[in-house]
């Protein structure tokens, strides 16, 4: 059985300011570093086979902090990079709502593309680690897309707010991906 723990990266200054980041490469701030350290301490209680990270610096920083405690291999996978929010990137919620009241952002990655890319990455991890325990450090939009896909839209995109450095656990059993829990923050 493949078990995957999805970790949202620690906070950035843009998160704190309410700016949408997407593919814009913003590093974690000091609060994010503390959140990542708390994740590392908590995750060190279990055995993990590998850490997979989005190539964006906020995810890589989180993954590297976790790796210091776990001493497992770390790899980047572009499948888990945050979605591209096009012309809305860098805008606060208020500016986005005023500029794009219909929430259609020009040059945005399509929902279908995001889900296809992310679920392809999940499948590759299942094939590479069929009985493994995998940590994936990624982004809120990516994790919510996975939750929406696995729950048939009951939770996830547009419905679930994920905290920074939260944990979401999924597993593959009897030919199907299942959600164990999501947005776990007791370690913080």
N, C-alpha and C. Protein backbone atom coordinates (compact mmCIF):
# COMPACT_ATOMS: atom_id res chain seq x y z
N UNK A 1 0.85 -1.19 0.00
CA UNK A 1 0.00 0.00 0.00
C UNK A 1 0.89 1.24 0.00
N UNK A 2 0.70 2.11 -0.95
CA UNK A 2 1.43 3.37 -1.00
C UNK A 2 0.74 4.37 -0.07
N UNK A 3 1.53 4.99 0.81
CA UNK A 3 1.01 6.04 1.69
C UNK A 3 1.76 7.33 1.37
N UNK A 4 1.00 8.39 1.16
CA UNK A 4 1.59 9.69 0.83
C UNK A 4 1.09 10.72 1.84
N UNK A 5 2.05 11.44 2.42
CA UNK A 5 1.72 12.57 3.28
C UNK A 5 2.04 13.84 2.50
N UNK A 6 1.01 14.61 2.19
CA UNK A 6 1.15 15.87 1.47
C UNK A 6 1.33 16.99 2.50
N UNK A 7 2.37 17.78 2.31
CA UNK A 7 2.68 18.86 3.25
C UNK A 7 2.61 20.18 2.51
N UNK A 8 1.82 21.10 3.00
CA UNK A 8 1.83 22.43 2.42
C UNK A 8 3.06 23.17 2.95
N UNK A 9 3.74 23.90 2.09
CA UNK A 9 4.94 24.65 2.49
C UNK A 9 4.62 25.63 3.61
N UNK A 10 5.68 26.08 4.27
CA UNK A 10 5.54 27.10 5.31
C UNK A 10 5.19 28.46 4.72
N UNK A 11 4.78 29.36 5.58
CA UNK A 11 4.30 30.69 5.19
C UNK A 11 5.38 31.52 4.47
N UNK A 12 4.91 32.36 3.54
CA UNK A 12 5.76 33.34 2.86
C UNK A 12 5.21 34.74 3.18
N UNK A 13 5.98 35.75 2.84
CA UNK A 13 5.47 37.12 3.03
C UNK A 13 4.24 37.36 2.17
N UNK A 14 4.22 36.80 0.96
CA UNK A 14 3.03 36.97 0.12
C UNK A 14 1.81 36.30 0.73
N UNK A 15 1.99 35.14 1.36
CA UNK A 15 0.87 34.51 2.06
C UNK A 15 0.35 35.44 3.14
N UNK A 16 1.27 36.00 3.91
CA UNK A 16 0.91 36.89 5.02
C UNK A 16 0.14 38.11 4.51
N UNK A 17 0.51 38.61 3.34
CA UNK A 17 -0.14 39.79 2.75
C UNK A 17 -1.39 39.43 1.96
N UNK A 18 -1.71 38.15 1.84
CA UNK A 18 -2.89 37.73 1.08
C UNK A 18 -2.72 37.79 -0.43
N UNK A 19 -1.48 37.74 -0.89
CA UNK A 19 -1.20 37.77 -2.33
C UNK A 19 -1.17 36.34 -2.88
N UNK A 20 -1.73 36.19 -4.07
CA UNK A 20 -1.72 34.89 -4.72
C UNK A 20 -0.35 34.67 -5.35
N UNK A 21 0.26 33.51 -5.09
CA UNK A 21 1.63 33.26 -5.54
C UNK A 21 1.70 32.43 -6.82
N UNK A 22 1.02 31.31 -6.85
CA UNK A 22 1.10 30.44 -8.01
C UNK A 22 2.53 30.06 -8.33
N UNK A 23 2.91 30.22 -9.59
CA UNK A 23 4.25 29.82 -10.03
C UNK A 23 5.33 30.83 -9.64
N UNK A 24 4.92 32.00 -9.14
CA UNK A 24 5.91 33.01 -8.72
C UNK A 24 6.72 32.42 -7.57
N UNK A 25 8.04 32.49 -7.68
CA UNK A 25 8.92 31.81 -6.73
C UNK A 25 9.25 32.72 -5.55
N UNK A 26 8.46 32.61 -4.49
CA UNK A 26 8.61 33.42 -3.28
C UNK A 26 9.15 32.53 -2.17
N UNK A 27 10.22 32.94 -1.47
CA UNK A 27 10.77 32.12 -0.38
C UNK A 27 9.91 32.20 0.87
N UNK A 28 10.13 31.25 1.77
CA UNK A 28 9.45 31.27 3.06
C UNK A 28 9.96 32.42 3.91
N UNK A 29 9.12 32.89 4.82
CA UNK A 29 9.55 33.88 5.80
C UNK A 29 9.94 33.16 7.09
N UNK A 30 10.26 33.92 8.13
CA UNK A 30 10.70 33.32 9.40
C UNK A 30 9.62 32.44 10.02
N UNK A 31 8.37 32.87 9.96
CA UNK A 31 7.28 32.05 10.50
C UNK A 31 7.18 30.73 9.75
N UNK A 32 7.38 30.77 8.45
CA UNK A 32 7.37 29.55 7.64
C UNK A 32 8.48 28.58 8.03
N UNK A 33 9.66 29.14 8.35
CA UNK A 33 10.78 28.30 8.78
C UNK A 33 10.43 27.58 10.09
N UNK A 34 9.80 28.29 11.01
CA UNK A 34 9.40 27.68 12.28
C UNK A 34 8.36 26.60 12.03
N UNK A 35 7.40 26.85 11.16
CA UNK A 35 6.38 25.85 10.83
C UNK A 35 7.02 24.59 10.25
N UNK A 36 7.98 24.77 9.34
CA UNK A 36 8.66 23.63 8.73
C UNK A 36 9.43 22.83 9.77
N UNK A 37 10.06 23.51 10.70
CA UNK A 37 10.79 22.82 11.77
C UNK A 37 9.84 21.99 12.63
N UNK A 38 8.67 22.52 12.93
CA UNK A 38 7.68 21.77 13.71
C UNK A 38 7.19 20.54 12.94
N UNK A 39 7.04 20.68 11.63
CA UNK A 39 6.69 19.52 10.78
C UNK A 39 7.77 18.46 10.89
N UNK A 40 9.01 18.89 10.78
CA UNK A 40 10.14 17.95 10.82
C UNK A 40 10.16 17.16 12.12
N UNK A 41 9.98 17.84 13.23
CA UNK A 41 9.98 17.17 14.54
C UNK A 41 8.87 16.14 14.60
N UNK A 42 7.70 16.51 14.14
CA UNK A 42 6.55 15.60 14.17
C UNK A 42 6.75 14.41 13.23
N UNK A 43 7.21 14.68 12.00
CA UNK A 43 7.37 13.62 11.00
C UNK A 43 8.50 12.67 11.34
N UNK A 44 9.45 13.10 12.15
CA UNK A 44 10.58 12.24 12.53
C UNK A 44 10.14 11.06 13.41
N UNK A 45 8.92 11.09 13.90
CA UNK A 45 8.41 10.01 14.73
C UNK A 45 8.09 8.75 13.93
N UNK A 46 8.02 8.88 12.59
CA UNK A 46 7.68 7.75 11.72
C UNK A 46 8.80 7.53 10.70
N UNK A 47 8.77 6.37 10.05
CA UNK A 47 9.75 6.06 9.02
C UNK A 47 9.19 6.49 7.66
N UNK A 48 10.01 7.17 6.88
CA UNK A 48 9.64 7.61 5.54
C UNK A 48 10.71 7.15 4.56
N UNK A 49 10.31 6.92 3.31
CA UNK A 49 11.24 6.43 2.30
C UNK A 49 11.88 7.55 1.49
N UNK A 50 11.16 8.62 1.26
CA UNK A 50 11.65 9.67 0.38
C UNK A 50 10.84 10.95 0.61
N UNK A 51 11.46 12.08 0.29
CA UNK A 51 10.76 13.36 0.26
C UNK A 51 10.75 13.84 -1.18
N UNK A 52 9.58 14.17 -1.68
CA UNK A 52 9.41 14.74 -3.01
C UNK A 52 9.03 16.20 -2.81
N UNK A 53 9.66 17.09 -3.56
CA UNK A 53 9.38 18.52 -3.40
C UNK A 53 9.03 19.16 -4.73
N UNK A 54 8.12 20.09 -4.67
CA UNK A 54 7.90 21.02 -5.77
C UNK A 54 9.23 21.75 -6.00
N UNK A 55 9.50 22.19 -7.24
CA UNK A 55 10.75 22.92 -7.48
C UNK A 55 10.75 24.36 -6.99
N UNK A 56 9.61 24.89 -6.54
CA UNK A 56 9.56 26.27 -6.06
C UNK A 56 10.24 26.39 -4.70
N UNK A 57 10.93 27.51 -4.47
CA UNK A 57 11.80 27.64 -3.30
C UNK A 57 11.07 27.48 -1.97
N UNK A 58 9.83 27.94 -1.85
CA UNK A 58 9.13 27.81 -0.57
C UNK A 58 8.90 26.35 -0.21
N UNK A 59 8.65 25.51 -1.21
CA UNK A 59 8.49 24.07 -0.97
C UNK A 59 9.84 23.42 -0.73
N UNK A 60 10.84 23.77 -1.52
CA UNK A 60 12.17 23.19 -1.35
C UNK A 60 12.75 23.53 0.03
N UNK A 61 12.56 24.77 0.49
CA UNK A 61 13.04 25.16 1.81
C UNK A 61 12.38 24.30 2.89
N UNK A 62 11.07 24.12 2.77
CA UNK A 62 10.34 23.28 3.73
C UNK A 62 10.88 21.86 3.70
N UNK A 63 11.06 21.31 2.51
CA UNK A 63 11.56 19.94 2.35
C UNK A 63 12.96 19.77 2.94
N UNK A 64 13.83 20.74 2.72
CA UNK A 64 15.20 20.65 3.25
C UNK A 64 15.23 20.69 4.77
N UNK A 65 14.37 21.50 5.37
CA UNK A 65 14.29 21.55 6.83
C UNK A 65 13.80 20.20 7.36
N UNK A 66 12.81 19.62 6.72
CA UNK A 66 12.29 18.31 7.14
C UNK A 66 13.36 17.24 6.96
N UNK A 67 14.08 17.29 5.85
CA UNK A 67 15.11 16.28 5.56
C UNK A 67 16.20 16.26 6.63
N UNK A 68 16.54 17.40 7.20
CA UNK A 68 17.58 17.44 8.24
C UNK A 68 17.25 16.49 9.40
N UNK A 69 15.98 16.36 9.71
CA UNK A 69 15.57 15.48 10.81
C UNK A 69 15.39 14.03 10.36
N UNK A 70 15.00 13.82 9.09
CA UNK A 70 14.64 12.47 8.64
C UNK A 70 15.77 11.72 7.95
N UNK A 71 16.72 12.43 7.36
CA UNK A 71 17.84 11.80 6.66
C UNK A 71 17.39 10.77 5.62
N UNK A 72 16.47 11.18 4.76
CA UNK A 72 16.04 10.36 3.63
C UNK A 72 16.31 11.13 2.34
N UNK A 73 16.34 10.42 1.21
CA UNK A 73 16.58 11.12 -0.06
C UNK A 73 15.50 12.17 -0.34
N UNK A 74 15.89 13.20 -1.07
CA UNK A 74 14.96 14.25 -1.47
C UNK A 74 15.08 14.43 -2.98
N UNK A 75 13.93 14.53 -3.64
CA UNK A 75 13.89 14.72 -5.09
C UNK A 75 12.86 15.79 -5.44
N UNK A 76 13.08 16.48 -6.54
CA UNK A 76 12.10 17.45 -7.03
C UNK A 76 11.24 16.80 -8.11
N UNK A 77 9.98 17.17 -8.13
CA UNK A 77 9.07 16.74 -9.20
C UNK A 77 8.23 17.94 -9.60
N UNK A 78 8.33 18.32 -10.86
CA UNK A 78 7.56 19.47 -11.34
C UNK A 78 6.06 19.21 -11.35
N UNK A 79 5.65 17.96 -11.26
CA UNK A 79 4.22 17.63 -11.19
C UNK A 79 3.54 18.32 -10.01
N UNK A 80 4.32 18.59 -8.96
CA UNK A 80 3.75 19.15 -7.73
C UNK A 80 4.00 20.64 -7.57
N UNK A 81 4.39 21.31 -8.66
CA UNK A 81 4.55 22.76 -8.66
C UNK A 81 3.16 23.40 -8.59
N UNK A 82 3.06 24.54 -7.91
CA UNK A 82 1.76 25.22 -7.79
C UNK A 82 1.22 25.59 -9.16
N UNK A 83 -0.09 25.71 -9.24
CA UNK A 83 -0.73 26.13 -10.48
C UNK A 83 -0.34 27.55 -10.85
N UNK A 84 -0.44 27.84 -12.12
CA UNK A 84 -0.13 29.17 -12.65
C UNK A 84 -1.42 29.99 -12.64
N UNK A 85 -1.43 31.07 -11.86
CA UNK A 85 -2.63 31.90 -11.75
C UNK A 85 -2.61 33.07 -12.73
N UNK A 86 -1.71 33.01 -13.70
CA UNK A 86 -1.70 33.99 -14.78
C UNK A 86 -1.58 35.42 -14.29
N UNK A 87 -2.41 36.28 -14.86
CA UNK A 87 -2.34 37.72 -14.58
C UNK A 87 -2.71 38.09 -13.15
N UNK A 88 -3.25 37.16 -12.38
CA UNK A 88 -3.64 37.46 -11.00
C UNK A 88 -2.50 37.29 -10.01
N UNK A 89 -1.40 36.69 -10.42
CA UNK A 89 -0.30 36.45 -9.49
C UNK A 89 0.23 37.77 -8.93
N UNK A 90 0.44 37.77 -7.63
CA UNK A 90 0.94 38.95 -6.94
C UNK A 90 -0.15 39.87 -6.43
N UNK A 91 -1.39 39.63 -6.85
CA UNK A 91 -2.50 40.48 -6.42
C UNK A 91 -3.06 40.04 -5.07
N UNK A 92 -3.48 41.00 -4.27
CA UNK A 92 -4.19 40.67 -3.03
C UNK A 92 -5.61 40.23 -3.40
N UNK A 93 -6.31 39.64 -2.44
CA UNK A 93 -7.67 39.17 -2.68
C UNK A 93 -8.57 40.33 -3.12
N UNK A 94 -8.44 41.47 -2.45
CA UNK A 94 -9.29 42.63 -2.78
C UNK A 94 -9.05 43.10 -4.22
N UNK A 95 -7.79 43.18 -4.62
CA UNK A 95 -7.47 43.62 -5.98
C UNK A 95 -7.95 42.59 -6.99
N UNK A 96 -7.76 41.29 -6.70
CA UNK A 96 -8.23 40.23 -7.60
C UNK A 96 -9.73 40.31 -7.80
N UNK A 97 -10.47 40.48 -6.68
CA UNK A 97 -11.93 40.53 -6.78
C UNK A 97 -12.40 41.74 -7.57
N UNK A 98 -11.70 42.84 -7.43
CA UNK A 98 -12.06 44.04 -8.17
C UNK A 98 -11.68 43.92 -9.65
N UNK A 99 -10.52 43.36 -9.93
CA UNK A 99 -10.02 43.27 -11.30
C UNK A 99 -10.68 42.13 -12.07
N UNK A 100 -10.90 41.00 -11.38
CA UNK A 100 -11.47 39.81 -12.03
C UNK A 100 -12.66 39.31 -11.22
N UNK A 101 -13.79 40.04 -11.23
CA UNK A 101 -14.93 39.65 -10.39
C UNK A 101 -15.50 38.27 -10.71
N UNK A 102 -15.26 37.78 -11.92
CA UNK A 102 -15.76 36.45 -12.29
C UNK A 102 -14.77 35.35 -11.94
N UNK A 103 -13.63 35.70 -11.33
CA UNK A 103 -12.57 34.78 -10.94
C UNK A 103 -11.93 34.06 -12.12
N UNK A 104 -12.05 34.62 -13.30
CA UNK A 104 -11.38 34.06 -14.47
C UNK A 104 -10.15 34.91 -14.74
N UNK A 105 -8.97 34.34 -14.43
CA UNK A 105 -7.72 35.07 -14.55
C UNK A 105 -7.10 34.80 -15.92
N UNK A 106 -6.87 35.83 -16.73
CA UNK A 106 -6.22 35.61 -18.02
C UNK A 106 -4.88 34.90 -17.84
N UNK A 107 -4.59 33.98 -18.74
CA UNK A 107 -3.33 33.22 -18.78
C UNK A 107 -3.17 32.24 -17.62
N UNK A 108 -4.25 31.90 -16.96
CA UNK A 108 -4.22 30.95 -15.85
C UNK A 108 -4.15 29.52 -16.39
N UNK A 109 -3.42 28.64 -15.68
CA UNK A 109 -3.42 27.22 -16.02
C UNK A 109 -4.83 26.69 -15.81
N UNK A 110 -5.32 25.89 -16.73
CA UNK A 110 -6.67 25.35 -16.60
C UNK A 110 -6.74 24.34 -15.46
N UNK A 111 -7.91 24.23 -14.88
CA UNK A 111 -8.13 23.27 -13.80
C UNK A 111 -7.84 21.85 -14.29
N UNK A 112 -8.24 21.55 -15.51
CA UNK A 112 -8.02 20.22 -16.07
C UNK A 112 -6.53 19.92 -16.20
N UNK A 113 -5.76 20.92 -16.62
CA UNK A 113 -4.31 20.75 -16.74
C UNK A 113 -3.68 20.51 -15.38
N UNK A 114 -4.07 21.30 -14.39
CA UNK A 114 -3.53 21.15 -13.04
C UNK A 114 -3.83 19.76 -12.49
N UNK A 115 -5.08 19.34 -12.56
CA UNK A 115 -5.46 18.03 -12.03
C UNK A 115 -4.74 16.91 -12.79
N UNK A 116 -4.65 17.02 -14.10
CA UNK A 116 -3.96 16.00 -14.90
C UNK A 116 -2.49 15.88 -14.51
N UNK A 117 -1.83 17.01 -14.35
CA UNK A 117 -0.41 17.04 -13.99
C UNK A 117 -0.18 16.46 -12.60
N UNK A 118 -1.01 16.88 -11.65
CA UNK A 118 -0.83 16.46 -10.27
C UNK A 118 -1.17 14.98 -10.09
N UNK A 119 -2.25 14.52 -10.68
CA UNK A 119 -2.63 13.11 -10.52
C UNK A 119 -1.67 12.20 -11.27
N UNK A 120 -1.08 12.67 -12.35
CA UNK A 120 -0.03 11.91 -13.03
C UNK A 120 1.17 11.74 -12.10
N UNK A 121 1.51 12.80 -11.36
CA UNK A 121 2.59 12.72 -10.38
C UNK A 121 2.29 11.73 -9.27
N UNK A 122 1.05 11.72 -8.79
CA UNK A 122 0.63 10.76 -7.75
C UNK A 122 0.78 9.34 -8.28
N UNK A 123 0.37 9.11 -9.52
CA UNK A 123 0.48 7.78 -10.12
C UNK A 123 1.95 7.35 -10.24
N UNK A 124 2.82 8.27 -10.64
CA UNK A 124 4.26 7.95 -10.75
C UNK A 124 4.83 7.58 -9.38
N UNK A 125 4.41 8.26 -8.34
CA UNK A 125 4.88 7.92 -7.00
C UNK A 125 4.39 6.53 -6.59
N UNK A 126 3.15 6.22 -6.92
CA UNK A 126 2.60 4.90 -6.59
C UNK A 126 3.39 3.81 -7.31
N UNK A 127 3.74 4.05 -8.57
CA UNK A 127 4.50 3.05 -9.33
C UNK A 127 5.93 2.91 -8.79
N UNK A 128 6.54 4.02 -8.39
CA UNK A 128 7.92 3.99 -7.89
C UNK A 128 8.01 3.45 -6.46
N UNK A 129 6.97 3.67 -5.66
CA UNK A 129 6.97 3.27 -4.24
C UNK A 129 5.67 2.52 -3.92
N UNK A 130 5.47 1.33 -4.51
CA UNK A 130 4.18 0.64 -4.35
C UNK A 130 3.84 0.27 -2.91
N UNK A 131 4.84 0.10 -2.08
CA UNK A 131 4.60 -0.19 -0.66
C UNK A 131 5.33 0.83 0.21
N UNK A 132 5.53 2.03 -0.33
CA UNK A 132 6.34 3.03 0.34
C UNK A 132 5.55 4.05 1.13
N UNK A 133 6.33 4.81 1.89
CA UNK A 133 5.80 5.94 2.66
C UNK A 133 6.52 7.17 2.15
N UNK A 134 5.76 8.06 1.50
CA UNK A 134 6.31 9.18 0.75
C UNK A 134 5.80 10.49 1.31
N UNK A 135 6.72 11.44 1.48
CA UNK A 135 6.35 12.81 1.84
C UNK A 135 6.40 13.65 0.57
N UNK A 136 5.38 14.45 0.34
CA UNK A 136 5.34 15.36 -0.81
C UNK A 136 5.14 16.77 -0.27
N UNK A 137 6.14 17.63 -0.48
CA UNK A 137 6.03 19.02 -0.05
C UNK A 137 5.58 19.84 -1.25
N UNK A 138 4.41 20.45 -1.12
CA UNK A 138 3.82 21.13 -2.26
C UNK A 138 3.08 22.40 -1.82
N UNK A 139 1.96 22.65 -2.45
CA UNK A 139 1.26 23.93 -2.33
C UNK A 139 -0.24 23.71 -2.09
N UNK A 140 -0.87 24.76 -1.56
CA UNK A 140 -2.30 24.67 -1.25
C UNK A 140 -3.16 24.32 -2.45
N UNK A 141 -2.91 24.95 -3.59
CA UNK A 141 -3.71 24.66 -4.78
C UNK A 141 -3.55 23.23 -5.26
N UNK A 142 -2.34 22.71 -5.17
CA UNK A 142 -2.06 21.34 -5.59
C UNK A 142 -2.75 20.36 -4.65
N UNK A 143 -2.59 20.55 -3.36
CA UNK A 143 -3.20 19.63 -2.39
C UNK A 143 -4.72 19.69 -2.48
N UNK A 144 -5.27 20.89 -2.65
CA UNK A 144 -6.73 21.00 -2.80
C UNK A 144 -7.22 20.33 -4.08
N UNK A 145 -6.43 20.39 -5.15
CA UNK A 145 -6.82 19.71 -6.39
C UNK A 145 -6.86 18.19 -6.17
N UNK A 146 -5.88 17.67 -5.43
CA UNK A 146 -5.86 16.23 -5.12
C UNK A 146 -7.08 15.87 -4.26
N UNK A 147 -7.35 16.67 -3.23
CA UNK A 147 -8.50 16.40 -2.37
C UNK A 147 -9.81 16.44 -3.16
N UNK A 148 -9.95 17.42 -4.04
CA UNK A 148 -11.16 17.52 -4.85
C UNK A 148 -11.32 16.31 -5.76
N UNK A 149 -10.23 15.90 -6.38
CA UNK A 149 -10.27 14.75 -7.30
C UNK A 149 -10.62 13.47 -6.55
N UNK A 150 -9.99 13.24 -5.41
CA UNK A 150 -10.21 11.99 -4.67
C UNK A 150 -11.55 11.95 -3.95
N UNK A 151 -12.11 13.11 -3.65
CA UNK A 151 -13.40 13.15 -2.92
C UNK A 151 -14.58 13.41 -3.85
N UNK A 152 -14.33 13.42 -5.15
CA UNK A 152 -15.38 13.76 -6.14
C UNK A 152 -15.98 15.13 -5.86
N UNK A 153 -15.12 16.07 -5.46
CA UNK A 153 -15.54 17.45 -5.27
C UNK A 153 -16.17 17.77 -3.93
N UNK A 154 -16.23 16.81 -3.02
CA UNK A 154 -16.83 17.08 -1.71
C UNK A 154 -15.98 18.02 -0.87
N UNK A 155 -14.65 17.91 -1.00
CA UNK A 155 -13.72 18.79 -0.30
C UNK A 155 -12.67 19.23 -1.32
N UNK A 156 -11.78 20.10 -0.90
CA UNK A 156 -10.70 20.52 -1.79
C UNK A 156 -10.96 21.86 -2.43
N UNK A 157 -10.56 22.00 -3.67
CA UNK A 157 -10.60 23.27 -4.41
C UNK A 157 -11.90 24.03 -4.21
N UNK A 158 -11.78 25.26 -3.72
CA UNK A 158 -12.94 26.12 -3.52
C UNK A 158 -13.75 25.82 -2.26
N UNK A 159 -13.39 24.75 -1.54
CA UNK A 159 -14.16 24.36 -0.37
C UNK A 159 -13.33 24.21 0.89
N UNK A 160 -12.03 23.95 0.74
CA UNK A 160 -11.19 23.64 1.88
C UNK A 160 -10.04 24.64 1.98
N UNK A 161 -9.92 25.29 3.12
CA UNK A 161 -8.79 26.18 3.35
C UNK A 161 -7.72 25.39 4.09
N UNK A 162 -6.53 25.35 3.50
CA UNK A 162 -5.42 24.61 4.08
C UNK A 162 -4.47 25.55 4.80
N UNK A 163 -4.08 25.18 6.01
CA UNK A 163 -3.12 25.97 6.78
C UNK A 163 -1.71 25.73 6.27
N UNK A 164 -0.83 26.68 6.53
CA UNK A 164 0.57 26.49 6.16
C UNK A 164 1.16 25.36 7.00
N UNK A 165 1.96 24.53 6.35
CA UNK A 165 2.63 23.40 6.99
C UNK A 165 1.65 22.35 7.52
N UNK A 166 0.44 22.32 6.98
CA UNK A 166 -0.51 21.28 7.37
C UNK A 166 -0.15 19.96 6.69
N UNK A 167 -0.67 18.88 7.24
CA UNK A 167 -0.45 17.54 6.71
C UNK A 167 -1.75 16.97 6.20
N UNK A 168 -1.68 16.33 5.03
CA UNK A 168 -2.82 15.65 4.42
C UNK A 168 -2.35 14.26 4.04
N UNK A 169 -3.03 13.24 4.49
CA UNK A 169 -2.60 11.86 4.25
C UNK A 169 -3.56 11.14 3.33
N UNK A 170 -2.98 10.54 2.28
CA UNK A 170 -3.74 9.72 1.34
C UNK A 170 -3.03 8.37 1.22
N UNK A 171 -3.77 7.35 0.80
CA UNK A 171 -3.16 6.05 0.61
C UNK A 171 -3.88 5.30 -0.50
N UNK A 172 -3.14 4.37 -1.12
CA UNK A 172 -3.67 3.58 -2.22
C UNK A 172 -3.94 2.18 -1.70
N UNK A 173 -5.20 1.76 -1.79
CA UNK A 173 -5.58 0.45 -1.27
C UNK A 173 -6.66 -0.15 -2.16
N UNK A 174 -6.49 -1.39 -2.52
CA UNK A 174 -7.46 -2.13 -3.32
C UNK A 174 -7.85 -1.37 -4.58
N UNK A 175 -6.82 -0.85 -5.27
CA UNK A 175 -7.04 -0.22 -6.57
C UNK A 175 -7.60 1.19 -6.54
N UNK A 176 -7.56 1.83 -5.37
CA UNK A 176 -8.18 3.15 -5.26
C UNK A 176 -7.43 4.03 -4.26
N UNK A 177 -7.33 5.32 -4.57
CA UNK A 177 -6.76 6.30 -3.63
C UNK A 177 -7.83 6.71 -2.63
N UNK A 178 -7.44 6.77 -1.38
CA UNK A 178 -8.35 7.14 -0.30
C UNK A 178 -7.73 8.28 0.50
N UNK A 179 -8.58 9.12 1.07
CA UNK A 179 -8.14 10.21 1.94
C UNK A 179 -8.26 9.72 3.38
N UNK A 180 -7.14 9.74 4.09
CA UNK A 180 -7.16 9.37 5.51
C UNK A 180 -7.57 10.58 6.35
N UNK A 181 -6.88 11.72 6.12
CA UNK A 181 -7.20 12.95 6.82
C UNK A 181 -6.62 14.11 6.03
N UNK A 182 -7.00 15.32 6.40
CA UNK A 182 -6.49 16.48 5.68
C UNK A 182 -6.45 17.69 6.61
N UNK A 183 -5.56 18.63 6.24
CA UNK A 183 -5.38 19.88 6.98
C UNK A 183 -5.09 19.64 8.46
N UNK A 184 -4.25 18.64 8.74
CA UNK A 184 -3.88 18.31 10.11
C UNK A 184 -2.84 19.33 10.60
N UNK A 185 -3.09 19.95 11.74
CA UNK A 185 -2.20 20.99 12.25
C UNK A 185 -1.83 20.80 13.72
N UNK A 186 -2.11 19.66 14.30
CA UNK A 186 -1.84 19.47 15.73
C UNK A 186 -0.36 19.59 16.05
N UNK A 187 0.51 19.34 15.07
CA UNK A 187 1.97 19.44 15.28
C UNK A 187 2.45 20.89 15.34
N UNK A 188 1.61 21.82 14.93
CA UNK A 188 2.00 23.23 14.91
C UNK A 188 1.64 23.90 16.22
